[in-house]
Amino acid sequence: MVSVIRNADLRSLRQISAEAKGWLWPVFRGILPEALSDSTFTVTSLGSLGISSFTPISNAPEVAILGGCGIELKPQSID
């Protein structure tokens, strides 16, 4: 489930974060179904779960989805 942040282009990152955190429990409890509809773009990340790659799938009528993964540090030799 992904809560919808409306007018995100008019908000700061701090405001978006606060609103997303505010939606968390009401959405999971099913109290606010309207918070899950009418989105146009999704940002998702599974990096915190240790996922190094995945294929995100957008839901209609969304136009796109951005999927972020974990960073894997690898030693490199310097020549």
Protein backbone atom coordinates (compact mmCIF):
# COMPACT_ATOMS: atom_id res chain seq x y z
CA MET A 1 0.00 0.00 0.00
CA VAL A 2 1.25 3.44 -0.88
CA SER A 3 -0.24 6.58 0.61
CA VAL A 4 -0.71 9.50 -1.79
CA ILE A 5 0.97 12.83 -1.03
CA ARG A 6 -1.01 15.43 -2.92
CA ASN A 7 0.66 18.58 -4.33
CA ALA A 8 4.13 17.26 -3.47
CA ASP A 9 5.66 19.71 -5.93
CA LEU A 10 4.58 22.57 -3.65
CA ARG A 11 6.07 21.08 -0.46
CA SER A 12 9.50 20.76 1.08
CA LEU A 13 11.04 17.34 1.67
CA ARG A 14 10.46 17.81 5.41
CA GLN A 15 6.74 18.49 4.82
CA ILE A 16 6.41 15.44 2.55
CA SER A 17 8.13 13.25 5.14
CA ALA A 18 5.84 14.50 7.93
CA GLU A 19 2.71 13.88 5.87
CA ALA A 20 3.84 10.39 4.84
CA LYS A 21 4.49 9.48 8.48
CA GLY A 22 1.08 10.88 9.45
CA TRP A 23 -0.68 8.61 6.91
CA LEU A 24 1.13 5.46 8.01
CA TRP A 25 -1.12 3.92 10.67
CA PRO A 26 -4.53 5.19 9.46
CA VAL A 27 -3.83 3.74 5.99
CA PHE A 28 -2.68 0.38 7.37
CA ARG A 29 -5.76 0.18 9.58
CA GLY A 30 -8.02 0.84 6.58
CA ILE A 31 -9.40 4.06 8.03
CA LEU A 32 -8.44 6.28 5.08
CA PRO A 33 -9.01 4.47 1.76
CA GLU A 34 -9.04 7.84 -0.05
CA ALA A 35 -5.36 8.19 0.88
CA LEU A 36 -4.55 5.38 -1.56
CA SER A 37 -6.21 6.69 -4.73
CA ASP A 38 -5.52 9.14 -7.57
CA SER A 39 -1.72 8.97 -7.57
CA THR A 40 0.36 9.86 -10.64
CA PHE A 41 3.91 8.86 -9.64
CA THR A 42 5.33 6.44 -7.05
CA VAL A 43 8.69 6.40 -5.29
CA THR A 44 9.61 3.12 -3.63
CA SER A 45 12.72 1.77 -1.95
CA LEU A 46 13.54 -1.73 -0.75
CA GLY A 47 17.16 -0.95 0.10
CA SER A 48 16.43 -0.89 3.83
CA LEU A 49 15.34 -4.52 3.53
CA GLY A 50 18.66 -5.57 2.02
CA ILE A 51 17.28 -5.86 -1.52
CA SER A 52 19.94 -5.11 -4.13
CA SER A 53 17.66 -5.22 -7.19
CA PHE A 54 13.97 -5.51 -8.06
CA THR A 55 11.55 -4.50 -10.79
CA PRO A 56 8.90 -2.03 -9.59
CA ILE A 57 5.57 -2.14 -11.44
CA SER A 58 3.40 0.96 -11.74
CA ASN A 59 -0.34 0.79 -11.18
CA ALA A 60 -2.71 2.45 -13.66
CA PRO A 61 -3.36 5.40 -13.97
CA GLU A 62 0.13 6.25 -12.66
CA VAL A 63 2.59 7.48 -15.27
CA ALA A 64 5.77 6.13 -13.65
CA ILE A 65 7.45 4.53 -10.66
CA LEU A 66 10.97 5.08 -9.31
CA GLY A 67 12.48 2.10 -7.49
CA GLY A 68 15.52 2.46 -5.26
CA CYS A 69 17.70 -0.40 -4.01
CA GLY A 70 20.44 -0.90 -1.48
CA ILE A 71 24.00 0.16 -2.06
CA GLU A 72 26.57 -2.59 -2.11
CA LEU A 73 30.11 -1.52 -1.22
CA LYS A 74 32.85 -3.45 -3.01
CA PRO A 75 36.60 -2.97 -2.58
CA GLN A 76 38.41 -1.68 -5.64
CA SER A 77 42.12 -1.83 -6.40
CA ILE A 78 43.85 1.41 -7.21
CA ASP A 79 46.51 1.06 -9.93
